[in-house]
């Protein structure tokens, strides 16, 4: 009888673990299609789109602010220089988490702030053992990556307790204009050379790729260059005819900054693999 009970307990744990982390079915990208664009008077460094609330978060570096737009209207402005809880000493970068929150990196204060999509401050983490934090990427809801330009390394942090997990990239990368991360990969993009250094989420170097490399939720590689958007694993292709800046991707929406003053939202369409 005790052996039977032990077997049932183990079975329940295994089934519960599988249910909590479902594996996404394999999908290929069939096309990219523009569905919206927003123009700004200010220079935009990068932007994210959250489809459930239809909110665009745009990083405005000159004013150290994050502008929140919803269905074509600006609903709030987060940050600005100052000493208040929601202000920044030097806003260096932003990222959008899988939880739908905005994570903002302050390079001077060496901390990370979390806001909801209405602009409310939710959390604040100090970043230990970092000298010049400049870029951020969210791998999962509990870990993030910070590019330390002074050390020439990417530092992985555990957001559950704010502790440092590991470092990597010192001998593979020299400059980072954009960090991208998901559960499996991390990409460091160098805008000067227009190339991407690809790592595993644990910091193992994989390869260098031409252009700006991103991965969708199904781990399909997407390359953005000055000429086109190209899927690495299918025939999906979209030509570009403007000066392309940094790109981000969320839940099946690709966001590209164009000519520093326009944010284009592109739907990523899929087809199931047979």
C-alpha atoms as a PDB file:
ATOM      1  CA  UNK A   1       0.000   0.000   0.000  1.00  0.00           C
ATOM      2  CA  UNK A   2       2.731   2.614   0.794  1.00  0.00           C
ATOM      3  CA  UNK A   3       4.412   1.863  -2.567  1.00  0.00           C
ATOM      4  CA  UNK A   4       1.123   2.463  -4.365  1.00  0.00           C
ATOM      5  CA  UNK A   5       0.639   5.803  -2.609  1.00  0.00           C
ATOM      6  CA  UNK A   6       4.204   6.838  -3.476  1.00  0.00           C
ATOM      7  CA  UNK A   7       3.636   5.938  -7.126  1.00  0.00           C
ATOM      8  CA  UNK A   8       0.429   7.981  -7.246  1.00  0.00           C
ATOM      9  CA  UNK A   9       2.161  11.012  -5.692  1.00  0.00           C
ATOM     10  CA  UNK A  10       4.998  10.858  -8.232  1.00  0.00           C
ATOM     11  CA  UNK A  11       2.487  10.528 -11.073  1.00  0.00           C
ATOM     12  CA  UNK A  12       0.540  13.576  -9.867  1.00  0.00           C
ATOM     13  CA  UNK A  13       3.736  15.669  -9.686  1.00  0.00           C
ATOM     14  CA  UNK A  14       4.800  14.644 -13.190  1.00  0.00           C
ATOM     15  CA  UNK A  15       1.395  15.350 -14.717  1.00  0.00           C
ATOM     16  CA  UNK A  16       1.152  18.684 -12.904  1.00  0.00           C
ATOM     17  CA  UNK A  17       4.616  19.698 -14.145  1.00  0.00           C
ATOM     18  CA  UNK A  18       3.740  18.909 -17.730  1.00  0.00           C
ATOM     19  CA  UNK A  19       0.448  20.818 -17.485  1.00  0.00           C
ATOM     20  CA  UNK A  20       2.165  23.926 -16.130  1.00  0.00           C
ATOM     21  CA  UNK A  21       4.600  24.164 -19.039  1.00  0.00           C
ATOM     22  CA  UNK A  22       2.756  23.175 -22.230  1.00  0.00           C
ATOM     23  CA  UNK A  23       4.871  22.911 -25.341  1.00  0.00           C
ATOM     24  CA  UNK A  24       3.838  25.117 -28.242  1.00  0.00           C
ATOM     25  CA  UNK A  25       2.916  23.234 -31.422  1.00  0.00           C
ATOM     26  CA  UNK A  26       5.374  23.755 -34.291  1.00  0.00           C
ATOM     27  CA  UNK A  27       4.331  26.607 -36.588  1.00  0.00           C
ATOM     28  CA  UNK A  28       5.948  28.228 -39.605  1.00  0.00           C
ATOM     29  CA  UNK A  29       5.623  31.880 -40.564  1.00  0.00           C
ATOM     30  CA  UNK A  30       3.478  32.284 -43.676  1.00  0.00           C
ATOM     31  CA  UNK A  31       3.613  36.087 -44.070  1.00  0.00           C
ATOM     32  CA  UNK A  32       4.193  39.518 -42.521  1.00  0.00           C
ATOM     33  CA  UNK A  33       1.485  42.166 -42.895  1.00  0.00           C
ATOM     34  CA  UNK A  34       1.382  45.801 -41.757  1.00  0.00           C
ATOM     35  CA  UNK A  35      -1.724  46.586 -39.702  1.00  0.00           C
ATOM     36  CA  UNK A  36      -0.901  49.885 -37.990  1.00  0.00           C
ATOM     37  CA  UNK A  37       1.656  52.675 -37.727  1.00  0.00           C
ATOM     38  CA  UNK A  38       2.119  55.591 -35.317  1.00  0.00           C
ATOM     39  CA  UNK A  39       4.177  58.704 -36.039  1.00  0.00           C
ATOM     40  CA  UNK A  40       5.928  60.685 -33.294  1.00  0.00           C
ATOM     41  CA  UNK A  41       7.375  64.173 -33.102  1.00  0.00           C
ATOM     42  CA  UNK A  42      10.108  62.869 -30.779  1.00  0.00           C
ATOM     43  CA  UNK A  43      12.985  60.543 -31.700  1.00  0.00           C
ATOM     44  CA  UNK A  44      12.032  56.956 -30.846  1.00  0.00           C
ATOM     45  CA  UNK A  45      14.773  54.457 -29.982  1.00  0.00           C
ATOM     46  CA  UNK A  46      12.572  51.347 -29.814  1.00  0.00           C
ATOM     47  CA  UNK A  47       9.003  50.293 -29.091  1.00  0.00           C
ATOM     48  CA  UNK A  48       6.953  47.314 -27.915  1.00  0.00           C
ATOM     49  CA  UNK A  49       3.349  46.303 -28.572  1.00  0.00           C
ATOM     50  CA  UNK A  50       1.094  44.425 -26.154  1.00  0.00           C
ATOM     51  CA  UNK A  51      -1.851  43.020 -28.175  1.00  0.00           C
ATOM     52  CA  UNK A  52      -4.301  42.231 -25.352  1.00  0.00           C
ATOM     53  CA  UNK A  53      -4.522  45.867 -24.270  1.00  0.00           C
ATOM     54  CA  UNK A  54      -3.508  47.203 -27.730  1.00  0.00           C
ATOM     55  CA  UNK A  55      -0.829  49.309 -26.067  1.00  0.00           C
ATOM     56  CA  UNK A  56       2.382  50.565 -27.675  1.00  0.00           C
ATOM     57  CA  UNK A  57       5.243  51.518 -25.343  1.00  0.00           C
ATOM     58  CA  UNK A  58       7.766  53.801 -27.068  1.00  0.00           C
ATOM     59  CA  UNK A  59      11.167  54.651 -25.580  1.00  0.00           C
ATOM     60  CA  UNK A  60      12.049  58.342 -26.025  1.00  0.00           C
ATOM     61  CA  UNK A  61      15.748  58.602 -25.039  1.00  0.00           C
ATOM     62  CA  UNK A  62      16.175  62.389 -25.258  1.00  0.00           C
ATOM     63  CA  UNK A  63      13.549  63.012 -22.560  1.00  0.00           C
ATOM     64  CA  UNK A  64      14.205  59.763 -20.604  1.00  0.00           C
ATOM     65  CA  UNK A  65      10.543  58.854 -20.987  1.00  0.00           C
ATOM     66  CA  UNK A  66       8.285  55.985 -22.034  1.00  0.00           C
ATOM     67  CA  UNK A  67       5.223  57.057 -24.042  1.00  0.00           C
ATOM     68  CA  UNK A  68       2.186  54.779 -23.799  1.00  0.00           C
ATOM     69  CA  UNK A  69      -0.187  54.778 -26.769  1.00  0.00           C
ATOM     70  CA  UNK A  70      -3.466  52.906 -27.083  1.00  0.00           C
ATOM     71  CA  UNK A  71      -5.430  52.730 -30.336  1.00  0.00           C
ATOM     72  CA  UNK A  72      -3.775  55.830 -31.773  1.00  0.00           C
ATOM     73  CA  UNK A  73      -3.978  58.004 -28.641  1.00  0.00           C
ATOM     74  CA  UNK A  74      -1.297  58.758 -26.065  1.00  0.00           C
ATOM     75  CA  UNK A  75      -2.651  57.657 -22.675  1.00  0.00           C
ATOM     76  CA  UNK A  76       0.333  58.318 -20.406  1.00  0.00           C
ATOM     77  CA  UNK A  77       3.988  59.330 -20.200  1.00  0.00           C
ATOM     78  CA  UNK A  78       6.242  57.481 -17.758  1.00  0.00           C
ATOM     79  CA  UNK A  79       9.504  58.744 -16.321  1.00  0.00           C
ATOM     80  CA  UNK A  80      11.537  61.809 -17.132  1.00  0.00           C
ATOM     81  CA  UNK A  81      14.598  63.013 -15.274  1.00  0.00           C
ATOM     82  CA  UNK A  82      14.178  63.321 -11.510  1.00  0.00           C
ATOM     83  CA  UNK A  83      14.508  61.746  -8.094  1.00  0.00           C
ATOM     84  CA  UNK A  84      10.924  60.503  -7.753  1.00  0.00           C
ATOM     85  CA  UNK A  85       9.949  56.847  -7.561  1.00  0.00           C
ATOM     86  CA  UNK A  86       8.802  56.786 -11.186  1.00  0.00           C
ATOM     87  CA  UNK A  87      11.571  59.007 -12.577  1.00  0.00           C
ATOM     88  CA  UNK A  88      15.026  58.185 -13.928  1.00  0.00           C
ATOM     89  CA  UNK A  89      18.567  59.433 -13.548  1.00  0.00           C
ATOM     90  CA  UNK A  90      19.374  58.100 -17.033  1.00  0.00           C
ATOM     91  CA  UNK A  91      16.862  55.865 -18.807  1.00  0.00           C
ATOM     92  CA  UNK A  92      18.998  53.576 -20.974  1.00  0.00           C
ATOM     93  CA  UNK A  93      16.629  50.926 -22.315  1.00  0.00           C
ATOM     94  CA  UNK A  94      13.244  49.241 -21.929  1.00  0.00           C
ATOM     95  CA  UNK A  95      11.830  45.761 -22.434  1.00  0.00           C
ATOM     96  CA  UNK A  96       8.387  44.151 -22.336  1.00  0.00           C
ATOM     97  CA  UNK A  97       7.966  41.057 -20.174  1.00  0.00           C
ATOM     98  CA  UNK A  98       5.829  38.013 -20.869  1.00  0.00           C
ATOM     99  CA  UNK A  99       3.648  39.249 -18.000  1.00  0.00           C
ATOM    100  CA  UNK A 100       2.754  42.343 -20.049  1.00  0.00           C
ATOM    101  CA  UNK A 101       4.754  44.737 -17.876  1.00  0.00           C
ATOM    102  CA  UNK A 102       7.379  47.282 -18.941  1.00  0.00           C
ATOM    103  CA  UNK A 103      10.883  46.912 -17.505  1.00  0.00           C
ATOM    104  CA  UNK A 104      12.989  50.096 -17.589  1.00  0.00           C
ATOM    105  CA  UNK A 105      16.779  50.158 -17.089  1.00  0.00           C
ATOM    106  CA  UNK A 106      18.334  53.183 -15.353  1.00  0.00           C
ATOM    107  CA  UNK A 107      22.061  53.231 -16.186  1.00  0.00           C
ATOM    108  CA  UNK A 108      23.034  55.951 -13.687  1.00  0.00           C
ATOM    109  CA  UNK A 109      21.029  54.646 -10.727  1.00  0.00           C
ATOM    110  CA  UNK A 110      21.939  51.054 -11.714  1.00  0.00           C
ATOM    111  CA  UNK A 111      18.469  49.753 -11.126  1.00  0.00           C
ATOM    112  CA  UNK A 112      15.522  48.219 -12.932  1.00  0.00           C
ATOM    113  CA  UNK A 113      11.940  49.448 -12.599  1.00  0.00           C
ATOM    114  CA  UNK A 114       8.752  47.615 -13.519  1.00  0.00           C
ATOM    115  CA  UNK A 115       5.586  49.436 -14.676  1.00  0.00           C
ATOM    116  CA  UNK A 116       2.198  48.208 -15.788  1.00  0.00           C
ATOM    117  CA  UNK A 117       0.800  49.373 -19.127  1.00  0.00           C
ATOM    118  CA  UNK A 118      -1.074  52.217 -17.453  1.00  0.00           C
ATOM    119  CA  UNK A 119       2.246  53.583 -16.159  1.00  0.00           C
ATOM    120  CA  UNK A 120       1.945  52.503 -12.503  1.00  0.00           C
ATOM    121  CA  UNK A 121       5.234  51.595 -10.799  1.00  0.00           C
ATOM    122  CA  UNK A 122       5.103  47.972  -9.631  1.00  0.00           C
ATOM    123  CA  UNK A 123       8.632  47.073  -8.513  1.00  0.00           C
ATOM    124  CA  UNK A 124      12.224  48.302  -8.303  1.00  0.00           C
ATOM    125  CA  UNK A 125      15.383  46.162  -8.294  1.00  0.00           C
ATOM    126  CA  UNK A 126      18.966  47.232  -7.576  1.00  0.00           C
ATOM    127  CA  UNK A 127      21.522  45.637  -9.905  1.00  0.00           C
ATOM    128  CA  UNK A 128      24.622  44.485  -7.993  1.00  0.00           C
ATOM    129  CA  UNK A 129      28.114  44.214  -9.464  1.00  0.00           C
ATOM    130  CA  UNK A 130      27.380  46.190 -12.628  1.00  0.00           C
ATOM    131  CA  UNK A 131      29.411  49.201 -13.786  1.00  0.00           C
ATOM    132  CA  UNK A 132      27.740  50.606 -16.924  1.00  0.00           C
ATOM    133  CA  UNK A 133      24.388  48.907 -17.612  1.00  0.00           C
ATOM    134  CA  UNK A 134      23.114  49.918 -21.054  1.00  0.00           C
ATOM    135  CA  UNK A 135      20.775  47.281 -22.519  1.00  0.00           C
ATOM    136  CA  UNK A 136      18.163  44.891 -21.149  1.00  0.00           C
ATOM    137  CA  UNK A 137      16.278  41.812 -22.364  1.00  0.00           C
ATOM    138  CA  UNK A 138      13.747  39.630 -20.564  1.00  0.00           C
ATOM    139  CA  UNK A 139      14.244  35.889 -20.981  1.00  0.00           C
ATOM    140  CA  UNK A 140      11.350  34.767 -18.797  1.00  0.00           C
ATOM    141  CA  UNK A 141       9.268  36.379 -16.068  1.00  0.00           C
ATOM    142  CA  UNK A 142      11.985  35.651 -13.529  1.00  0.00           C
ATOM    143  CA  UNK A 143      15.254  36.266 -15.332  1.00  0.00           C
ATOM    144  CA  UNK A 144      16.722  39.147 -17.304  1.00  0.00           C
ATOM    145  CA  UNK A 145      19.951  39.977 -19.114  1.00  0.00           C
ATOM    146  CA  UNK A 146      21.891  43.244 -18.791  1.00  0.00           C
ATOM    147  CA  UNK A 147      24.665  44.418 -21.117  1.00  0.00           C
ATOM    148  CA  UNK A 148      27.448  45.978 -19.015  1.00  0.00           C
ATOM    149  CA  UNK A 149      29.377  48.130 -21.503  1.00  0.00           C
ATOM    150  CA  UNK A 150      32.260  48.773 -19.092  1.00  0.00           C
ATOM    151  CA  UNK A 151      32.916  45.088 -18.441  1.00  0.00           C
ATOM    152  CA  UNK A 152      32.023  44.052 -21.999  1.00  0.00           C
ATOM    153  CA  UNK A 153      29.773  41.297 -20.650  1.00  0.00           C
ATOM    154  CA  UNK A 154      26.154  40.264 -20.487  1.00  0.00           C
ATOM    155  CA  UNK A 155      24.993  39.618 -16.918  1.00  0.00           C
ATOM    156  CA  UNK A 156      22.075  37.303 -16.186  1.00  0.00           C
ATOM    157  CA  UNK A 157      19.984  38.275 -13.139  1.00  0.00           C
ATOM    158  CA  UNK A 158      17.319  36.359 -11.226  1.00  0.00           C
ATOM    159  CA  UNK A 159      14.416  38.754 -10.679  1.00  0.00           C
ATOM    160  CA  UNK A 160      12.977  36.634  -7.869  1.00  0.00           C
ATOM    161  CA  UNK A 161      15.677  37.905  -5.518  1.00  0.00           C
ATOM    162  CA  UNK A 162      17.678  40.346  -7.678  1.00  0.00           C
ATOM    163  CA  UNK A 163      20.799  38.181  -7.563  1.00  0.00           C
ATOM    164  CA  UNK A 164      23.362  37.692 -10.329  1.00  0.00           C
ATOM    165  CA  UNK A 165      23.254  34.249 -11.954  1.00  0.00           C
ATOM    166  CA  UNK A 166      26.154  34.224 -14.449  1.00  0.00           C
ATOM    167  CA  UNK A 167      28.090  36.294 -17.041  1.00  0.00           C
ATOM    168  CA  UNK A 168      29.067  35.679 -20.645  1.00  0.00           C
ATOM    169  CA  UNK A 169      29.970  37.252 -24.003  1.00  0.00           C
ATOM    170  CA  UNK A 170      33.185  39.061 -23.092  1.00  0.00           C
ATOM    171  CA  UNK A 171      35.194  37.597 -25.956  1.00  0.00           C
ATOM    172  CA  UNK A 172      32.330  37.318 -28.473  1.00  0.00           C
ATOM    173  CA  UNK A 173      30.852  40.833 -28.517  1.00  0.00           C
ATOM    174  CA  UNK A 174      32.262  44.356 -28.379  1.00  0.00           C
ATOM    175  CA  UNK A 175      29.187  46.540 -28.920  1.00  0.00           C
ATOM    176  CA  UNK A 176      25.468  46.045 -28.243  1.00  0.00           C
ATOM    177  CA  UNK A 177      22.675  48.253 -29.609  1.00  0.00           C
ATOM    178  CA  UNK A 178      19.871  45.799 -28.869  1.00  0.00           C
ATOM    179  CA  UNK A 179      19.397  42.746 -26.664  1.00  0.00           C
ATOM    180  CA  UNK A 180      16.731  40.169 -27.405  1.00  0.00           C
ATOM    181  CA  UNK A 181      15.943  37.135 -25.263  1.00  0.00           C
ATOM    182  CA  UNK A 182      13.351  34.413 -24.903  1.00  0.00           C
ATOM    183  CA  UNK A 183      13.301  31.114 -23.025  1.00  0.00           C
ATOM    184  CA  UNK A 184      15.881  29.497 -25.315  1.00  0.00           C
ATOM    185  CA  UNK A 185      18.020  32.189 -26.964  1.00  0.00           C
ATOM    186  CA  UNK A 186      19.738  35.515 -26.411  1.00  0.00           C
ATOM    187  CA  UNK A 187      20.785  37.818 -29.268  1.00  0.00           C
ATOM    188  CA  UNK A 188      23.167  40.787 -29.047  1.00  0.00           C
ATOM    189  CA  UNK A 189      22.760  43.076 -32.081  1.00  0.00           C
ATOM    190  CA  UNK A 190      25.512  45.468 -33.224  1.00  0.00           C
ATOM    191  CA  UNK A 191      24.050  48.237 -35.388  1.00  0.00           C
ATOM    192  CA  UNK A 192      27.410  49.450 -36.706  1.00  0.00           C
ATOM    193  CA  UNK A 193      28.290  46.108 -38.254  1.00  0.00           C
ATOM    194  CA  UNK A 194      24.605  45.166 -38.760  1.00  0.00           C
ATOM    195  CA  UNK A 195      25.249  41.734 -37.271  1.00  0.00           C
ATOM    196  CA  UNK A 196      23.890  39.623 -34.422  1.00  0.00           C
ATOM    197  CA  UNK A 197      25.707  37.366 -31.962  1.00  0.00           C
ATOM    198  CA  UNK A 198      23.523  34.391 -31.038  1.00  0.00           C
ATOM    199  CA  UNK A 199      23.792  32.627 -27.656  1.00  0.00           C
ATOM    200  CA  UNK A 200      21.814  30.004 -25.813  1.00  0.00           C
ATOM    201  CA  UNK A 201      19.842  31.246 -22.807  1.00  0.00           C
ATOM    202  CA  UNK A 202      22.614  29.792 -20.609  1.00  0.00           C
ATOM    203  CA  UNK A 203      25.295  31.890 -22.320  1.00  0.00           C
ATOM    204  CA  UNK A 204      26.859  29.417 -24.760  1.00  0.00           C
ATOM    205  CA  UNK A 205      27.914  31.121 -28.010  1.00  0.00           C
ATOM    206  CA  UNK A 206      26.216  29.660 -31.114  1.00  0.00           C
ATOM    207  CA  UNK A 207      26.925  31.827 -34.182  1.00  0.00           C
ATOM    208  CA  UNK A 208      27.114  35.249 -35.810  1.00  0.00           C
ATOM    209  CA  UNK A 209      24.272  36.234 -38.146  1.00  0.00           C
ATOM    210  CA  UNK A 210      24.004  39.104 -40.643  1.00  0.00           C
ATOM    211  CA  UNK A 211      21.280  41.633 -39.847  1.00  0.00           C
ATOM    212  CA  UNK A 212      19.096  42.037 -36.782  1.00  0.00           C
ATOM    213  CA  UNK A 213      17.973  38.616 -35.515  1.00  0.00           C
ATOM    214  CA  UNK A 214      14.822  37.952 -33.470  1.00  0.00           C
ATOM    215  CA  UNK A 215      12.887  34.810 -32.546  1.00  0.00           C
ATOM    216  CA  UNK A 216       9.108  34.489 -32.385  1.00  0.00           C
ATOM    217  CA  UNK A 217       7.300  32.427 -29.691  1.00  0.00           C
ATOM    218  CA  UNK A 218       7.800  29.286 -31.821  1.00  0.00           C
ATOM    219  CA  UNK A 219      11.558  29.917 -32.147  1.00  0.00           C
ATOM    220  CA  UNK A 220      11.338  30.820 -35.819  1.00  0.00           C
ATOM    221  CA  UNK A 221      14.287  33.060 -36.640  1.00  0.00           C
ATOM    222  CA  UNK A 222      13.461  36.442 -38.242  1.00  0.00           C
ATOM    223  CA  UNK A 223      16.106  38.655 -39.832  1.00  0.00           C
ATOM    224  CA  UNK A 224      15.492  42.403 -40.233  1.00  0.00           C
ATOM    225  CA  UNK A 225      17.829  44.287 -42.559  1.00  0.00           C
ATOM    226  CA  UNK A 226      17.626  47.652 -44.325  1.00  0.00           C
ATOM    227  CA  UNK A 227      16.069  45.907 -47.327  1.00  0.00           C
ATOM    228  CA  UNK A 228      13.630  43.300 -46.032  1.00  0.00           C
ATOM    229  CA  UNK A 229      12.158  41.167 -43.267  1.00  0.00           C
ATOM    230  CA  UNK A 230      12.996  37.499 -43.870  1.00  0.00           C
ATOM    231  CA  UNK A 231      11.937  34.323 -42.095  1.00  0.00           C
ATOM    232  CA  UNK A 232      14.876  31.930 -41.674  1.00  0.00           C
ATOM    233  CA  UNK A 233      12.662  28.824 -41.692  1.00  0.00           C
ATOM    234  CA  UNK A 234      10.091  29.598 -44.376  1.00  0.00           C
ATOM    235  CA  UNK A 235       9.605  31.636 -47.537  1.00  0.00           C
ATOM    236  CA  UNK A 236       7.960  34.575 -45.728  1.00  0.00           C
ATOM    237  CA  UNK A 237       9.457  37.847 -46.956  1.00  0.00           C
ATOM    238  CA  UNK A 238       8.535  41.541 -46.802  1.00  0.00           C
ATOM    239  CA  UNK A 239      10.588  44.267 -48.566  1.00  0.00           C
ATOM    240  CA  UNK A 240      11.402  47.474 -46.689  1.00  0.00           C
ATOM    241  CA  UNK A 241      11.794  50.894 -48.263  1.00  0.00           C
ATOM    242  CA  UNK A 242      12.798  53.095 -45.313  1.00  0.00           C
ATOM    243  CA  UNK A 243      15.596  53.562 -42.810  1.00  0.00           C
ATOM    244  CA  UNK A 244      14.972  50.731 -40.372  1.00  0.00           C
ATOM    245  CA  UNK A 245      15.860  51.042 -36.697  1.00  0.00           C
ATOM    246  CA  UNK A 246      15.499  48.589 -33.840  1.00  0.00           C
ATOM    247  CA  UNK A 247      12.857  45.877 -33.968  1.00  0.00           C
ATOM    248  CA  UNK A 248      11.071  43.934 -31.233  1.00  0.00           C
ATOM    249  CA  UNK A 249       8.640  41.037 -31.266  1.00  0.00           C
ATOM    250  CA  UNK A 250       5.948  39.948 -28.836  1.00  0.00           C
ATOM    251  CA  UNK A 251       2.864  37.805 -29.164  1.00  0.00           C
ATOM    252  CA  UNK A 252       2.785  37.421 -32.961  1.00  0.00           C
ATOM    253  CA  UNK A 253       3.385  41.136 -33.564  1.00  0.00           C
ATOM    254  CA  UNK A 254       6.621  42.533 -34.994  1.00  0.00           C
ATOM    255  CA  UNK A 255       7.383  46.175 -34.119  1.00  0.00           C
ATOM    256  CA  UNK A 256       9.871  48.195 -36.177  1.00  0.00           C
ATOM    257  CA  UNK A 257      11.055  51.772 -35.688  1.00  0.00           C
ATOM    258  CA  UNK A 258      11.377  53.522 -39.063  1.00  0.00           C
ATOM    259  CA  UNK A 259      13.190  56.827 -39.702  1.00  0.00           C
ATOM    260  CA  UNK A 260      13.343  57.391 -35.908  1.00  0.00           C
ATOM    261  CA  UNK A 261       9.842  58.921 -35.874  1.00  0.00           C
ATOM    262  CA  UNK A 262       7.494  56.126 -36.911  1.00  0.00           C
ATOM    263  CA  UNK A 263       6.568  52.821 -35.292  1.00  0.00           C
ATOM    264  CA  UNK A 264       5.195  50.142 -37.624  1.00  0.00           C
ATOM    265  CA  UNK A 265       3.197  47.192 -36.285  1.00  0.00           C
ATOM    266  CA  UNK A 266       3.263  44.034 -38.393  1.00  0.00           C
ATOM    267  CA  UNK A 267       1.136  40.949 -37.869  1.00  0.00           C
ATOM    268  CA  UNK A 268       3.050  37.678 -38.107  1.00  0.00           C
ATOM    269  CA  UNK A 269       0.791  35.093 -39.760  1.00  0.00           C
ATOM    270  CA  UNK A 270       1.326  31.362 -39.264  1.00  0.00           C
ATOM    271  CA  UNK A 271       0.547  27.982 -40.718  1.00  0.00           C
ATOM    272  CA  UNK A 272       0.751  24.650 -38.916  1.00  0.00           C
ATOM    273  CA  UNK A 273       3.437  22.158 -39.844  1.00  0.00           C
ATOM    274  CA  UNK A 274       2.112  18.886 -41.219  1.00  0.00           C
END
